PDB file of N, CA and C in Angstrom:
ATOM      1  N   MET A   1      12.836  -4.848 -14.537  1.00  0.00           N
ATOM      2  CA  MET A   1      11.979  -4.052 -13.667  1.00  0.00           C
ATOM      3  C   MET A   1      10.601  -4.701 -13.492  1.00  0.00           C
ATOM      4  N   LYS A   2      10.087  -5.342 -14.543  1.00  0.00           N
ATOM      5  CA  LYS A   2       8.744  -5.908 -14.473  1.00  0.00           C
ATOM      6  C   LYS A   2       8.657  -7.116 -13.555  1.00  0.00           C
ATOM      7  N   ASP A   3       9.808  -7.620 -13.094  1.00  0.00           N
ATOM      8  CA  ASP A   3       9.792  -8.733 -12.153  1.00  0.00           C
ATOM      9  C   ASP A   3       9.793  -8.250 -10.704  1.00  0.00           C
ATOM     10  N   LYS A   4       9.828  -6.945 -10.495  1.00  0.00           N
ATOM     11  CA  LYS A   4       9.803  -6.381  -9.139  1.00  0.00           C
ATOM     12  C   LYS A   4       8.461  -6.655  -8.476  1.00  0.00           C
ATOM     13  N   LYS A   5       8.507  -6.845  -7.164  1.00  0.00           N
ATOM     14  CA  LYS A   5       7.301  -7.081  -6.372  1.00  0.00           C
ATOM     15  C   LYS A   5       6.799  -5.734  -5.857  1.00  0.00           C
ATOM     16  N   ILE A   6       5.612  -5.347  -6.308  1.00  0.00           N
ATOM     17  CA  ILE A   6       5.070  -4.031  -6.009  1.00  0.00           C
ATOM     18  C   ILE A   6       3.869  -4.159  -5.079  1.00  0.00           C
ATOM     19  N   LEU A   7       3.942  -3.463  -3.951  1.00  0.00           N
ATOM     20  CA  LEU A   7       2.831  -3.397  -2.999  1.00  0.00           C
ATOM     21  C   LEU A   7       2.011  -2.145  -3.294  1.00  0.00           C
ATOM     22  N   ILE A   8       0.708  -2.331  -3.424  1.00  0.00           N
ATOM     23  CA  ILE A   8      -0.207  -1.200  -3.620  1.00  0.00           C
ATOM     24  C   ILE A   8      -1.183  -1.196  -2.452  1.00  0.00           C
ATOM     25  N   THR A   9      -1.092  -0.176  -1.587  1.00  0.00           N
ATOM     26  CA  THR A   9      -2.082  -0.022  -0.523  1.00  0.00           C
ATOM     27  C   THR A   9      -3.237   0.797  -1.085  1.00  0.00           C
ATOM     28  N   GLY A  10      -4.429   0.531  -0.595  1.00  0.00           N
ATOM     29  CA  GLY A  10      -5.597   1.201  -1.172  1.00  0.00           C
ATOM     30  C   GLY A  10      -5.908   0.642  -2.544  1.00  0.00           C
ATOM     31  N   ALA A  11      -5.612  -0.638  -2.744  1.00  0.00           N
ATOM     32  CA  ALA A  11      -5.704  -1.255  -4.069  1.00  0.00           C
ATOM     33  C   ALA A  11      -7.123  -1.350  -4.608  1.00  0.00           C
ATOM     34  N   ARG A  12      -8.118  -1.308  -3.750  1.00  0.00           N
ATOM     35  CA  ARG A  12      -9.506  -1.406  -4.218  1.00  0.00           C
ATOM     36  C   ARG A  12     -10.162  -0.036  -4.387  1.00  0.00           C
ATOM     37  N   GLY A  13      -9.422   1.011  -4.116  1.00  0.00           N
ATOM     38  CA  GLY A  13      -9.937   2.359  -4.338  1.00  0.00           C
ATOM     39  C   GLY A  13      -9.827   2.748  -5.801  1.00  0.00           C
ATOM     40  N   PHE A  14     -10.332   3.906  -6.134  1.00  0.00           N
ATOM     41  CA  PHE A  14     -10.348   4.366  -7.527  1.00  0.00           C
ATOM     42  C   PHE A  14      -8.949   4.418  -8.132  1.00  0.00           C
ATOM     43  N   VAL A  15      -8.040   5.092  -7.463  1.00  0.00           N
ATOM     44  CA  VAL A  15      -6.675   5.222  -7.991  1.00  0.00           C
ATOM     45  C   VAL A  15      -5.974   3.869  -7.974  1.00  0.00           C
ATOM     46  N   GLY A  16      -6.152   3.115  -6.895  1.00  0.00           N
ATOM     47  CA  GLY A  16      -5.516   1.804  -6.780  1.00  0.00           C
ATOM     48  C   GLY A  16      -5.947   0.841  -7.873  1.00  0.00           C
ATOM     49  N   LYS A  17      -7.256   0.788  -8.152  1.00  0.00           N
ATOM     50  CA  LYS A  17      -7.761  -0.095  -9.213  1.00  0.00           C
ATOM     51  C   LYS A  17      -7.196   0.289 -10.573  1.00  0.00           C
ATOM     52  N   ASN A  18      -7.137   1.582 -10.836  1.00  0.00           N
ATOM     53  CA  ASN A  18      -6.626   2.029 -12.125  1.00  0.00           C
ATOM     54  C   ASN A  18      -5.118   1.821 -12.246  1.00  0.00           C
ATOM     55  N   LEU A  19      -4.384   2.037 -11.167  1.00  0.00           N
ATOM     56  CA  LEU A  19      -2.943   1.763 -11.183  1.00  0.00           C
ATOM     57  C   LEU A  19      -2.698   0.274 -11.405  1.00  0.00           C
ATOM     58  N   THR A  20      -3.439  -0.569 -10.702  1.00  0.00           N
ATOM     59  CA  THR A  20      -3.295  -2.013 -10.867  1.00  0.00           C
ATOM     60  C   THR A  20      -3.545  -2.420 -12.312  1.00  0.00           C
ATOM     61  N   ALA A  21      -4.623  -1.935 -12.896  1.00  0.00           N
ATOM     62  CA  ALA A  21      -4.953  -2.269 -14.292  1.00  0.00           C
ATOM     63  C   ALA A  21      -3.847  -1.826 -15.242  1.00  0.00           C
ATOM     64  N   THR A  22      -3.313  -0.636 -15.018  1.00  0.00           N
ATOM     65  CA  THR A  22      -2.247  -0.118 -15.881  1.00  0.00           C
ATOM     66  C   THR A  22      -0.974  -0.944 -15.743  1.00  0.00           C
ATOM     67  N   LEU A  23      -0.604  -1.283 -14.515  1.00  0.00           N
ATOM     68  CA  LEU A  23       0.599  -2.089 -14.314  1.00  0.00           C
ATOM     69  C   LEU A  23       0.452  -3.464 -14.940  1.00  0.00           C
ATOM     70  N   LEU A  24      -0.712  -4.085 -14.787  1.00  0.00           N
ATOM     71  CA  LEU A  24      -0.948  -5.383 -15.419  1.00  0.00           C
ATOM     72  C   LEU A  24      -0.869  -5.279 -16.931  1.00  0.00           C
ATOM     73  N   GLN A  25      -1.429  -4.215 -17.470  1.00  0.00           N
ATOM     74  CA  GLN A  25      -1.395  -3.986 -18.913  1.00  0.00           C
ATOM     75  C   GLN A  25       0.044  -3.822 -19.405  1.00  0.00           C
ATOM     76  N   LYS A  26       0.898  -3.242 -18.576  1.00  0.00           N
ATOM     77  CA  LYS A  26       2.303  -3.017 -18.944  1.00  0.00           C
ATOM     78  C   LYS A  26       3.170  -4.252 -18.693  1.00  0.00           C
ATOM     79  N   GLY A  27       2.585  -5.325 -18.165  1.00  0.00           N
ATOM     80  CA  GLY A  27       3.322  -6.564 -17.987  1.00  0.00           C
ATOM     81  C   GLY A  27       3.840  -6.831 -16.589  1.00  0.00           C
ATOM     82  N   TYR A  28       3.477  -6.011 -15.627  1.00  0.00           N
ATOM     83  CA  TYR A  28       3.869  -6.255 -14.234  1.00  0.00           C
ATOM     84  C   TYR A  28       2.926  -7.310 -13.657  1.00  0.00           C
ATOM     85  N   THR A  29       3.486  -8.362 -13.095  1.00  0.00           N
ATOM     86  CA  THR A  29       2.647  -9.454 -12.600  1.00  0.00           C
ATOM     87  C   THR A  29       2.815  -9.721 -11.108  1.00  0.00           C
ATOM     88  N   ASN A  30       3.863  -9.210 -10.492  1.00  0.00           N
ATOM     89  CA  ASN A  30       4.116  -9.444  -9.069  1.00  0.00           C
ATOM     90  C   ASN A  30       3.544  -8.302  -8.245  1.00  0.00           C
ATOM     91  N   LEU A  31       2.217  -8.244  -8.174  1.00  0.00           N
ATOM     92  CA  LEU A  31       1.550  -7.164  -7.459  1.00  0.00           C
ATOM     93  C   LEU A  31       0.953  -7.691  -6.160  1.00  0.00           C
ATOM     94  N   TYR A  32       1.251  -6.995  -5.072  1.00  0.00           N
ATOM     95  CA  TYR A  32       0.646  -7.276  -3.777  1.00  0.00           C
ATOM     96  C   TYR A  32      -0.420  -6.214  -3.548  1.00  0.00           C
ATOM     97  N   LEU A  33      -1.675  -6.621  -3.561  1.00  0.00           N
ATOM     98  CA  LEU A  33      -2.788  -5.686  -3.454  1.00  0.00           C
ATOM     99  C   LEU A  33      -3.326  -5.715  -2.030  1.00  0.00           C
ATOM    100  N   PHE A  34      -3.222  -4.584  -1.352  1.00  0.00           N
ATOM    101  CA  PHE A  34      -3.651  -4.480   0.041  1.00  0.00           C
ATOM    102  C   PHE A  34      -4.725  -3.424   0.173  1.00  0.00           C
ATOM    103  N   ASP A  35      -5.772  -3.749   0.936  1.00  0.00           N
ATOM    104  CA  ASP A  35      -6.846  -2.799   1.188  1.00  0.00           C
ATOM    105  C   ASP A  35      -7.359  -2.976   2.607  1.00  0.00           C
ATOM    106  N   ARG A  36      -8.238  -2.128   3.031  1.00  0.00           N
ATOM    107  CA  ARG A  36      -8.677  -2.081   4.431  1.00  0.00           C
ATOM    108  C   ARG A  36      -9.289  -3.382   4.931  1.00  0.00           C
ATOM    109  N   GLU A  37      -9.798  -4.215   4.044  1.00  0.00           N
ATOM    110  CA  GLU A  37     -10.366  -5.497   4.460  1.00  0.00           C
ATOM    111  C   GLU A  37      -9.288  -6.536   4.769  1.00  0.00           C
ATOM    112  N   ASP A  38      -8.073  -6.281   4.353  1.00  0.00           N
ATOM    113  CA  ASP A  38      -6.981  -7.226   4.573  1.00  0.00           C
ATOM    114  C   ASP A  38      -6.416  -7.082   5.987  1.00  0.00           C
ATOM    115  N   SER A  39      -5.794  -8.149   6.454  1.00  0.00           N
ATOM    116  CA  SER A  39      -5.269  -8.166   7.813  1.00  0.00           C
ATOM    117  C   SER A  39      -3.881  -7.530   7.892  1.00  0.00           C
ATOM    118  N   LEU A  40      -3.505  -7.152   9.105  1.00  0.00           N
ATOM    119  CA  LEU A  40      -2.151  -6.638   9.328  1.00  0.00           C
ATOM    120  C   LEU A  40      -1.111  -7.729   9.121  1.00  0.00           C
ATOM    121  N   GLU A  41      -1.505  -8.988   9.284  1.00  0.00           N
ATOM    122  CA  GLU A  41      -0.604 -10.100   8.991  1.00  0.00           C
ATOM    123  C   GLU A  41      -0.278 -10.131   7.492  1.00  0.00           C
ATOM    124  N   THR A  42      -1.273  -9.844   6.671  1.00  0.00           N
ATOM    125  CA  THR A  42      -1.048  -9.775   5.227  1.00  0.00           C
ATOM    126  C   THR A  42      -0.107  -8.623   4.901  1.00  0.00           C
ATOM    127  N   LEU A  43      -0.336  -7.473   5.520  1.00  0.00           N
ATOM    128  CA  LEU A  43       0.552  -6.329   5.316  1.00  0.00           C
ATOM    129  C   LEU A  43       1.981  -6.692   5.708  1.00  0.00           C
ATOM    130  N   ASP A  44       2.132  -7.378   6.820  1.00  0.00           N
ATOM    131  CA  ASP A  44       3.453  -7.794   7.291  1.00  0.00           C
ATOM    132  C   ASP A  44       4.145  -8.675   6.251  1.00  0.00           C
ATOM    133  N   LYS A  45       3.420  -9.633   5.716  1.00  0.00           N
ATOM    134  CA  LYS A  45       3.973 -10.530   4.693  1.00  0.00           C
ATOM    135  C   LYS A  45       4.397  -9.753   3.449  1.00  0.00           C
ATOM    136  N   TYR A  46       3.548  -8.850   2.997  1.00  0.00           N
ATOM    137  CA  TYR A  46       3.856  -8.067   1.808  1.00  0.00           C
ATOM    138  C   TYR A  46       5.056  -7.148   2.039  1.00  0.00           C
ATOM    139  N   CYS A  47       5.117  -6.520   3.207  1.00  0.00           N
ATOM    140  CA  CYS A  47       6.224  -5.603   3.514  1.00  0.00           C
ATOM    141  C   CYS A  47       7.557  -6.328   3.620  1.00  0.00           C
ATOM    142  N   ALA A  48       7.529  -7.567   4.009  1.00  0.00           N
ATOM    143  CA  ALA A  48       8.763  -8.348   4.119  1.00  0.00           C
ATOM    144  C   ALA A  48       9.341  -8.664   2.749  1.00  0.00           C
ATOM    145  N   ASP A  49       8.499  -8.659   1.728  1.00  0.00           N
ATOM    146  CA  ASP A  49       8.913  -9.178   0.425  1.00  0.00           C
ATOM    147  C   ASP A  49       8.909  -8.161  -0.718  1.00  0.00           C
ATOM    148  N   CYS A  50       8.268  -7.024  -0.553  1.00  0.00           N
ATOM    149  CA  CYS A  50       8.087  -6.108  -1.687  1.00  0.00           C
ATOM    150  C   CYS A  50       9.367  -5.334  -2.025  1.00  0.00           C
ATOM    151  N   ASP A  51       9.428  -4.913  -3.287  1.00  0.00           N
ATOM    152  CA  ASP A  51      10.549  -4.120  -3.787  1.00  0.00           C
ATOM    153  C   ASP A  51      10.196  -2.641  -3.933  1.00  0.00           C
ATOM    154  N   PHE A  52       8.905  -2.327  -3.914  1.00  0.00           N
ATOM    155  CA  PHE A  52       8.447  -0.950  -4.100  1.00  0.00           C
ATOM    156  C   PHE A  52       7.025  -0.838  -3.562  1.00  0.00           C
ATOM    157  N   VAL A  53       6.652   0.341  -3.061  1.00  0.00           N
ATOM    158  CA  VAL A  53       5.310   0.560  -2.517  1.00  0.00           C
ATOM    159  C   VAL A  53       4.677   1.804  -3.147  1.00  0.00           C
ATOM    160  N   PHE A  54       3.461   1.619  -3.641  1.00  0.00           N
ATOM    161  CA  PHE A  54       2.584   2.743  -3.973  1.00  0.00           C
ATOM    162  C   PHE A  54       1.598   2.825  -2.813  1.00  0.00           C
ATOM    163  N   HIS A  55       1.757   3.835  -1.958  1.00  0.00           N
ATOM    164  CA  HIS A  55       0.887   3.974  -0.780  1.00  0.00           C
ATOM    165  C   HIS A  55      -0.252   4.923  -1.123  1.00  0.00           C
ATOM    166  N   LEU A  56      -1.393   4.311  -1.457  1.00  0.00           N
ATOM    167  CA  LEU A  56      -2.568   5.070  -1.882  1.00  0.00           C
ATOM    168  C   LEU A  56      -3.697   5.000  -0.861  1.00  0.00           C
ATOM    169  N   ALA A  57      -3.536   4.205   0.190  1.00  0.00           N
ATOM    170  CA  ALA A  57      -4.596   4.011   1.174  1.00  0.00           C
ATOM    171  C   ALA A  57      -4.809   5.265   2.003  1.00  0.00           C
ATOM    172  N   GLY A  58      -6.051   5.478   2.358  1.00  0.00           N
ATOM    173  CA  GLY A  58      -6.376   6.602   3.221  1.00  0.00           C
ATOM    174  C   GLY A  58      -7.865   6.835   3.262  1.00  0.00           C
ATOM    175  N   VAL A  59      -8.286   7.588   4.260  1.00  0.00           N
ATOM    176  CA  VAL A  59      -9.695   7.946   4.398  1.00  0.00           C
ATOM    177  C   VAL A  59      -9.924   9.231   3.627  1.00  0.00           C
ATOM    178  N   ASN A  60     -10.830   9.167   2.665  1.00  0.00           N
ATOM    179  CA  ASN A  60     -11.068  10.291   1.770  1.00  0.00           C
ATOM    180  C   ASN A  60     -11.975  11.352   2.383  1.00  0.00           C
ATOM    181  N   ARG A  61     -13.061  10.938   2.965  1.00  0.00           N
ATOM    182  CA  ARG A  61     -14.024  11.877   3.559  1.00  0.00           C
ATOM    183  C   ARG A  61     -14.349  11.418   4.980  1.00  0.00           C
ATOM    184  N   PRO A  62     -13.452  11.690   5.916  1.00  0.00           N
ATOM    185  CA  PRO A  62     -13.654  11.201   7.284  1.00  0.00           C
ATOM    186  C   PRO A  62     -14.855  11.869   7.955  1.00  0.00           C
ATOM    187  N   GLN A  63     -15.494  11.101   8.819  1.00  0.00           N
ATOM    188  CA  GLN A  63     -16.620  11.615   9.593  1.00  0.00           C
ATOM    189  C   GLN A  63     -16.139  12.363  10.840  1.00  0.00           C
ATOM    190  N   SER A  64     -14.901  12.086  11.233  1.00  0.00           N
ATOM    191  CA  SER A  64     -14.370  12.715  12.442  1.00  0.00           C
ATOM    192  C   SER A  64     -12.856  12.858  12.317  1.00  0.00           C
ATOM    193  N   THR A  65     -12.304  13.672  13.192  1.00  0.00           N
ATOM    194  CA  THR A  65     -10.848  13.860  13.223  1.00  0.00           C
ATOM    195  C   THR A  65     -10.147  12.555  13.550  1.00  0.00           C
ATOM    196  N   SER A  66     -10.706  11.787  14.478  1.00  0.00           N
ATOM    197  CA  SER A  66     -10.071  10.517  14.851  1.00  0.00           C
ATOM    198  C   SER A  66     -10.069   9.532  13.687  1.00  0.00           C
ATOM    199  N   GLU A  67     -11.120   9.514  12.889  1.00  0.00           N
ATOM    200  CA  GLU A  67     -11.158   8.646  11.711  1.00  0.00           C
ATOM    201  C   GLU A  67     -10.088   9.067  10.703  1.00  0.00           C
ATOM    202  N   PHE A  68      -9.883  10.370  10.567  1.00  0.00           N
ATOM    203  CA  PHE A  68      -8.842  10.872   9.670  1.00  0.00           C
ATOM    204  C   PHE A  68      -7.467  10.375  10.111  1.00  0.00           C
ATOM    205  N   TYR A  69      -7.165  10.561  11.396  1.00  0.00           N
ATOM    206  CA  TYR A  69      -5.851  10.156  11.888  1.00  0.00           C
ATOM    207  C   TYR A  69      -5.653   8.650  11.821  1.00  0.00           C
ATOM    208  N   GLU A  70      -6.674   7.890  12.173  1.00  0.00           N
ATOM    209  CA  GLU A  70      -6.559   6.434  12.150  1.00  0.00           C
ATOM    210  C   GLU A  70      -6.349   5.923  10.730  1.00  0.00           C
ATOM    211  N   GLY A  71      -7.111   6.430   9.790  1.00  0.00           N
ATOM    212  CA  GLY A  71      -7.051   5.942   8.414  1.00  0.00           C
ATOM    213  C   GLY A  71      -5.919   6.504   7.590  1.00  0.00           C
ATOM    214  N   ASN A  72      -5.347   7.608   8.011  1.00  0.00           N
ATOM    215  CA  ASN A  72      -4.291   8.238   7.222  1.00  0.00           C
ATOM    216  C   ASN A  72      -2.958   8.224   7.966  1.00  0.00           C
ATOM    217  N   THR A  73      -2.831   9.024   8.988  1.00  0.00           N
ATOM    218  CA  THR A  73      -1.569   9.139   9.715  1.00  0.00           C
ATOM    219  C   THR A  73      -1.159   7.827  10.365  1.00  0.00           C
ATOM    220  N   ASP A  74      -2.081   7.217  11.101  1.00  0.00           N
ATOM    221  CA  ASP A  74      -1.741   5.990  11.827  1.00  0.00           C
ATOM    222  C   ASP A  74      -1.395   4.849  10.877  1.00  0.00           C
ATOM    223  N   PHE A  75      -2.167   4.690   9.794  1.00  0.00           N
ATOM    224  CA  PHE A  75      -1.867   3.599   8.867  1.00  0.00           C
ATOM    225  C   PHE A  75      -0.551   3.838   8.141  1.00  0.00           C
ATOM    226  N   SER A  76      -0.279   5.069   7.766  1.00  0.00           N
ATOM    227  CA  SER A  76       1.006   5.369   7.111  1.00  0.00           C
ATOM    228  C   SER A  76       2.166   5.030   8.030  1.00  0.00           C
ATOM    229  N   ALA A  77       2.036   5.374   9.302  1.00  0.00           N
ATOM    230  CA  ALA A  77       3.079   5.042  10.279  1.00  0.00           C
ATOM    231  C   ALA A  77       3.224   3.529  10.410  1.00  0.00           C
ATOM    232  N   LYS A  78       2.101   2.812  10.427  1.00  0.00           N
ATOM    233  CA  LYS A  78       2.144   1.346  10.530  1.00  0.00           C
ATOM    234  C   LYS A  78       2.854   0.735   9.328  1.00  0.00           C
ATOM    235  N   LEU A  79       2.550   1.228   8.149  1.00  0.00           N
ATOM    236  CA  LEU A  79       3.203   0.749   6.934  1.00  0.00           C
ATOM    237  C   LEU A  79       4.714   0.933   7.022  1.00  0.00           C
ATOM    238  N   LEU A  80       5.146   2.139   7.380  1.00  0.00           N
ATOM    239  CA  LEU A  80       6.580   2.424   7.455  1.00  0.00           C
ATOM    240  C   LEU A  80       7.258   1.631   8.571  1.00  0.00           C
ATOM    241  N   GLU A  81       6.583   1.476   9.701  1.00  0.00           N
ATOM    242  CA  GLU A  81       7.140   0.666  10.800  1.00  0.00           C
ATOM    243  C   GLU A  81       7.315  -0.784  10.363  1.00  0.00           C
ATOM    244  N   THR A  82       6.356  -1.292   9.612  1.00  0.00           N
ATOM    245  CA  THR A  82       6.417  -2.683   9.170  1.00  0.00           C
ATOM    246  C   THR A  82       7.544  -2.885   8.164  1.00  0.00           C
ATOM    247  N   LEU A  83       7.721  -1.951   7.251  1.00  0.00           N
ATOM    248  CA  LEU A  83       8.853  -2.022   6.330  1.00  0.00           C
ATOM    249  C   LEU A  83      10.168  -1.998   7.111  1.00  0.00           C
ATOM    250  N   LYS A  84      10.252  -1.100   8.076  1.00  0.00           N
ATOM    251  CA  LYS A  84      11.465  -0.974   8.894  1.00  0.00           C
ATOM    252  C   LYS A  84      11.738  -2.257   9.670  1.00  0.00           C
ATOM    253  N   LYS A  85      10.694  -2.856  10.222  1.00  0.00           N
ATOM    254  CA  LYS A  85      10.827  -4.104  10.976  1.00  0.00           C
ATOM    255  C   LYS A  85      11.517  -5.185  10.139  1.00  0.00           C
ATOM    256  N   HIS A  86      11.262  -5.177   8.846  1.00  0.00           N
ATOM    257  CA  HIS A  86      11.840  -6.166   7.938  1.00  0.00           C
ATOM    258  C   HIS A  86      13.107  -5.649   7.246  1.00  0.00           C
ATOM    259  N   ASN A  87      13.630  -4.518   7.724  1.00  0.00           N
ATOM    260  CA  ASN A  87      14.815  -3.905   7.113  1.00  0.00           C
ATOM    261  C   ASN A  87      14.631  -3.711   5.614  1.00  0.00           C
ATOM    262  N   ASN A  88      13.414  -3.362   5.230  1.00  0.00           N
ATOM    263  CA  ASN A  88      13.092  -3.150   3.828  1.00  0.00           C
ATOM    264  C   ASN A  88      13.145  -1.652   3.545  1.00  0.00           C
ATOM    265  N   SER A  89      14.159  -1.246   2.811  1.00  0.00           N
ATOM    266  CA  SER A  89      14.341   0.171   2.494  1.00  0.00           C
ATOM    267  C   SER A  89      13.907   0.482   1.053  1.00  0.00           C
ATOM    268  N   CYS A  90      12.894  -0.231   0.592  1.00  0.00           N
ATOM    269  CA  CYS A  90      12.406  -0.019  -0.773  1.00  0.00           C
ATOM    270  C   CYS A  90      11.809   1.385  -0.914  1.00  0.00           C
ATOM    271  N   GLY A  91      11.671   1.810  -2.141  1.00  0.00           N
ATOM    272  CA  GLY A  91      11.049   3.094  -2.419  1.00  0.00           C
ATOM    273  C   GLY A  91       9.574   3.083  -2.094  1.00  0.00           C
ATOM    274  N   VAL A  92       9.073   4.232  -1.634  1.00  0.00           N
ATOM    275  CA  VAL A  92       7.655   4.375  -1.307  1.00  0.00           C
ATOM    276  C   VAL A  92       7.160   5.671  -1.917  1.00  0.00           C
ATOM    277  N   ILE A  93       6.119   5.571  -2.729  1.00  0.00           N
ATOM    278  CA  ILE A  93       5.448   6.760  -3.241  1.00  0.00           C
ATOM    279  C   ILE A  93       4.158   6.921  -2.458  1.00  0.00           C
ATOM    280  N   VAL A  94       3.934   8.113  -1.905  1.00  0.00           N
ATOM    281  CA  VAL A  94       2.741   8.394  -1.119  1.00  0.00           C
ATOM    282  C   VAL A  94       1.874   9.363  -1.900  1.00  0.00           C
ATOM    283  N   SER A  95       0.591   9.053  -1.988  1.00  0.00           N
ATOM    284  CA  SER A  95      -0.350   9.922  -2.683  1.00  0.00           C
ATOM    285  C   SER A  95      -1.432  10.353  -1.702  1.00  0.00           C
ATOM    286  N   SER A  96      -1.885  11.579  -1.846  1.00  0.00           N
ATOM    287  CA  SER A  96      -2.983  12.037  -0.998  1.00  0.00           C
ATOM    288  C   SER A  96      -4.060  12.669  -1.846  1.00  0.00           C
TER     289      SER A  96
END
């Protein structure tokens, strides 16, 4: 199991950083860390190769309704579309 490739979205957020630290401590080394500063090309590469996804990315305190949808609903849809594009049916845990 520890050789599985794990994608963590929102990897630089509070939960993402702590999950990453815990997984590294437990011996998981194949971690794909994705955050808002990363490109969609990077997401595409990670989605093509990952075995599991912890989807933690999202806008916590949006300034507007459109920011909420863009950072949460739209990005979640993009993540799932990208996995589907690569025929990747790996498990996905979503946190809000």
